[in-house]
């Protein structure tokens, strides 16, 4: 079916070679494309792994530290 969708083979040639009716090919290709559309339209969010959560927490902590240092530097510059 993918060869037919890619346009690598004509549908009639592909169906003849695989021994299926063209109507069956078109039915399968329609189902395949509809499933792809539904998957792309659905929520693709997934649960983060524990390693990803740990990494994000570490990154958040580091970024908060940078922001705190910059805020302190700004206060010191304003006083000077």
N, C-alpha and C. Protein backbone atom coordinates (compact mmCIF):
# COMPACT_ATOMS: atom_id res chain seq x y z
N UNK A 1 0.82 -1.18 0.00
CA UNK A 1 0.00 0.00 0.00
C UNK A 1 0.87 1.25 0.00
N UNK A 2 1.97 1.22 0.75
CA UNK A 2 2.82 2.41 0.81
C UNK A 2 3.42 2.74 -0.55
N UNK A 3 3.75 1.72 -1.32
CA UNK A 3 4.27 1.98 -2.67
C UNK A 3 3.24 2.71 -3.51
N UNK A 4 1.98 2.34 -3.33
CA UNK A 4 0.91 3.02 -4.06
C UNK A 4 0.75 4.46 -3.60
N UNK A 5 0.81 4.68 -2.31
CA UNK A 5 0.69 6.05 -1.78
C UNK A 5 1.88 6.92 -2.18
N UNK A 6 3.04 6.30 -2.24
CA UNK A 6 4.24 7.05 -2.64
C UNK A 6 4.26 7.34 -4.14
N UNK A 7 3.43 6.62 -4.88
CA UNK A 7 3.40 6.80 -6.32
C UNK A 7 4.48 6.03 -7.04
N UNK A 8 5.11 5.10 -6.33
CA UNK A 8 6.19 4.31 -6.94
C UNK A 8 5.66 3.31 -7.97
N UNK A 9 4.45 2.81 -7.72
CA UNK A 9 3.82 1.86 -8.63
C UNK A 9 2.41 2.34 -8.93
N UNK A 10 1.90 1.96 -10.10
CA UNK A 10 0.50 2.29 -10.39
C UNK A 10 -0.37 1.39 -9.51
N UNK A 11 -1.54 1.88 -9.17
CA UNK A 11 -2.43 1.12 -8.31
C UNK A 11 -2.84 -0.19 -8.97
N UNK A 12 -3.15 -0.14 -10.25
CA UNK A 12 -3.57 -1.36 -10.94
C UNK A 12 -2.44 -2.39 -10.96
N UNK A 13 -1.22 -1.93 -11.21
CA UNK A 13 -0.07 -2.84 -11.22
C UNK A 13 0.16 -3.43 -9.83
N UNK A 14 0.09 -2.60 -8.82
CA UNK A 14 0.29 -3.04 -7.45
C UNK A 14 -0.76 -4.08 -7.04
N UNK A 15 -2.02 -3.81 -7.35
CA UNK A 15 -3.10 -4.74 -7.00
C UNK A 15 -2.96 -6.06 -7.75
N UNK A 16 -2.59 -5.99 -9.02
CA UNK A 16 -2.40 -7.20 -9.80
C UNK A 16 -1.28 -8.04 -9.21
N UNK A 17 -0.18 -7.40 -8.86
CA UNK A 17 0.98 -8.10 -8.31
C UNK A 17 0.65 -8.74 -6.95
N UNK A 18 -0.14 -8.04 -6.13
CA UNK A 18 -0.47 -8.55 -4.79
C UNK A 18 -1.72 -9.42 -4.78
N UNK A 19 -2.43 -9.44 -5.90
CA UNK A 19 -3.62 -10.29 -6.00
C UNK A 19 -4.80 -9.77 -5.19
N UNK A 20 -4.96 -8.45 -5.15
CA UNK A 20 -6.09 -7.87 -4.43
C UNK A 20 -6.89 -6.98 -5.37
N UNK A 21 -8.16 -6.77 -5.03
CA UNK A 21 -9.01 -5.90 -5.83
C UNK A 21 -8.63 -4.44 -5.55
N UNK A 22 -8.78 -3.61 -6.58
CA UNK A 22 -8.48 -2.19 -6.41
C UNK A 22 -9.37 -1.56 -5.34
N UNK A 23 -10.62 -2.01 -5.26
CA UNK A 23 -11.52 -1.46 -4.24
C UNK A 23 -11.00 -1.75 -2.84
N UNK A 24 -10.39 -2.92 -2.64
CA UNK A 24 -9.80 -3.25 -1.34
C UNK A 24 -8.61 -2.35 -1.06
N UNK A 25 -7.78 -2.13 -2.07
CA UNK A 25 -6.63 -1.23 -1.90
C UNK A 25 -7.11 0.16 -1.48
N UNK A 26 -8.11 0.69 -2.18
CA UNK A 26 -8.59 2.04 -1.86
C UNK A 26 -9.22 2.09 -0.47
N UNK A 27 -9.88 1.03 -0.07
CA UNK A 27 -10.46 0.97 1.26
C UNK A 27 -9.34 1.00 2.32
N UNK A 28 -8.32 0.19 2.11
CA UNK A 28 -7.19 0.16 3.05
C UNK A 28 -6.47 1.50 3.09
N UNK A 29 -6.25 2.10 1.93
CA UNK A 29 -5.51 3.37 1.92
C UNK A 29 -6.32 4.48 2.61
N UNK A 30 -7.65 4.45 2.43
CA UNK A 30 -8.50 5.43 3.10
C UNK A 30 -8.42 5.26 4.61
N UNK A 31 -8.52 4.01 5.09
CA UNK A 31 -8.40 3.74 6.53
C UNK A 31 -7.04 4.17 7.06
N UNK A 32 -6.01 3.88 6.30
CA UNK A 32 -4.65 4.24 6.71
C UNK A 32 -4.49 5.75 6.85
N UNK A 33 -4.96 6.50 5.86
CA UNK A 33 -4.85 7.95 5.89
C UNK A 33 -5.70 8.57 6.99
N UNK A 34 -6.90 8.02 7.20
CA UNK A 34 -7.77 8.53 8.27
C UNK A 34 -7.14 8.29 9.64
N UNK A 35 -6.54 7.12 9.83
CA UNK A 35 -5.87 6.83 11.10
C UNK A 35 -4.71 7.79 11.33
N UNK A 36 -3.98 8.10 10.27
CA UNK A 36 -2.88 9.05 10.38
C UNK A 36 -3.37 10.44 10.74
N UNK A 37 -4.47 10.87 10.13
CA UNK A 37 -5.04 12.18 10.44
C UNK A 37 -5.49 12.25 11.89
N UNK A 38 -6.15 11.19 12.35
CA UNK A 38 -6.63 11.17 13.74
C UNK A 38 -5.45 11.23 14.71
N UNK A 39 -4.39 10.50 14.40
CA UNK A 39 -3.23 10.48 15.30
C UNK A 39 -2.57 11.85 15.34
N UNK A 40 -2.46 12.50 14.20
CA UNK A 40 -1.84 13.81 14.17
C UNK A 40 -2.70 14.87 14.85
N UNK A 41 -4.00 14.70 14.80
CA UNK A 41 -4.91 15.68 15.39
C UNK A 41 -5.08 15.47 16.89
N UNK A 42 -4.77 14.29 17.37
CA UNK A 42 -5.00 14.00 18.79
C UNK A 42 -3.89 14.59 19.65
N UNK A 43 -4.12 14.54 20.94
CA UNK A 43 -3.14 15.04 21.90
C UNK A 43 -1.94 14.11 21.88
N UNK A 44 -0.78 14.65 21.57
CA UNK A 44 0.42 13.82 21.48
C UNK A 44 1.25 13.88 22.76
N UNK A 45 0.65 14.45 23.82
CA UNK A 45 1.38 14.52 25.08
C UNK A 45 1.58 13.11 25.63
N UNK A 46 2.66 12.94 26.32
CA UNK A 46 2.94 11.66 26.95
C UNK A 46 3.51 11.92 28.33
N UNK A 47 3.47 10.93 29.15
CA UNK A 47 4.01 11.05 30.50
C UNK A 47 5.53 11.07 30.42
N UNK A 48 6.13 11.94 31.19
CA UNK A 48 7.59 12.04 31.22
C UNK A 48 8.15 10.87 32.04
N UNK A 49 9.32 10.43 31.66
CA UNK A 49 9.99 9.40 32.44
C UNK A 49 10.57 10.03 33.69
N UNK A 50 10.91 9.20 34.67
CA UNK A 50 11.47 9.74 35.92
C UNK A 50 12.80 10.44 35.65
N UNK A 51 13.56 9.95 34.71
CA UNK A 51 14.83 10.60 34.36
C UNK A 51 14.57 11.99 33.77
N UNK A 52 13.57 12.08 32.90
CA UNK A 52 13.24 13.39 32.32
C UNK A 52 12.77 14.36 33.39
N UNK A 53 11.97 13.88 34.34
CA UNK A 53 11.49 14.74 35.42
C UNK A 53 12.66 15.23 36.26
N UNK A 54 13.57 14.34 36.60
CA UNK A 54 14.76 14.74 37.38
C UNK A 54 15.58 15.77 36.63
N UNK A 55 15.77 15.55 35.33
CA UNK A 55 16.54 16.50 34.51
C UNK A 55 15.85 17.86 34.46
N UNK A 56 14.53 17.87 34.30
CA UNK A 56 13.79 19.13 34.25
C UNK A 56 13.83 19.86 35.58
N UNK A 57 13.74 19.13 36.67
CA UNK A 57 13.84 19.75 38.00
C UNK A 57 15.22 20.36 38.22
N UNK A 58 16.24 19.64 37.80
CA UNK A 58 17.62 20.15 37.93
C UNK A 58 17.79 21.42 37.09
N UNK A 59 17.28 21.38 35.87
CA UNK A 59 17.38 22.54 34.99
C UNK A 59 16.62 23.73 35.57
N UNK A 60 15.44 23.47 36.12
CA UNK A 60 14.64 24.53 36.73
C UNK A 60 15.39 25.15 37.91
N UNK A 61 15.96 24.31 38.75
CA UNK A 61 16.73 24.80 39.90
C UNK A 61 17.90 25.67 39.44
N UNK A 62 18.62 25.19 38.43
CA UNK A 62 19.77 25.95 37.91
C UNK A 62 19.33 27.30 37.34
N UNK A 63 18.23 27.29 36.60
CA UNK A 63 17.74 28.55 36.01
C UNK A 63 17.27 29.52 37.08
N UNK A 64 16.62 29.01 38.11
CA UNK A 64 16.20 29.88 39.21
C UNK A 64 17.42 30.50 39.88
N UNK A 65 18.49 29.74 40.01
CA UNK A 65 19.73 30.27 40.58
C UNK A 65 20.30 31.39 39.74
N UNK A 66 20.28 31.22 38.43
CA UNK A 66 20.79 32.25 37.52
C UNK A 66 19.94 33.52 37.64
N UNK A 67 18.63 33.37 37.69
CA UNK A 67 17.74 34.53 37.81
C UNK A 67 18.00 35.24 39.13
N UNK A 68 18.18 34.49 40.21
CA UNK A 68 18.45 35.10 41.52
C UNK A 68 19.77 35.88 41.49
N UNK A 69 20.78 35.30 40.88
CA UNK A 69 22.08 36.01 40.79
C UNK A 69 21.94 37.29 39.98
N UNK A 70 21.22 37.24 38.88
CA UNK A 70 21.04 38.44 38.05
C UNK A 70 20.23 39.50 38.79
N UNK A 71 19.23 39.09 39.55
CA UNK A 71 18.44 40.05 40.34
C UNK A 71 19.31 40.71 41.38
N UNK A 72 20.18 39.95 42.03
CA UNK A 72 21.11 40.50 43.02
C UNK A 72 22.08 41.47 42.36
N UNK A 73 22.61 41.09 41.20
CA UNK A 73 23.52 41.98 40.47
C UNK A 73 22.83 43.30 40.12
N UNK A 74 21.58 43.23 39.69
CA UNK A 74 20.84 44.45 39.34
C UNK A 74 20.65 45.35 40.57
N UNK A 75 20.34 44.76 41.71
CA UNK A 75 20.19 45.55 42.93
C UNK A 75 21.49 46.25 43.30
N UNK A 76 22.58 45.51 43.17
CA UNK A 76 23.89 46.10 43.51
C UNK A 76 24.24 47.21 42.55
N UNK A 77 23.93 47.05 41.29
CA UNK A 77 24.22 48.10 40.29
C UNK A 77 23.37 49.34 40.53
N UNK A 78 22.12 49.14 40.93
CA UNK A 78 21.23 50.28 41.20
C UNK A 78 21.71 51.08 42.42
N UNK A 79 22.28 50.39 43.40
CA UNK A 79 22.78 51.07 44.60
C UNK A 79 24.06 51.84 44.32
N UNK A 80 24.81 51.37 43.33
CA UNK A 80 26.12 51.99 43.03
C UNK A 80 26.00 53.29 42.30
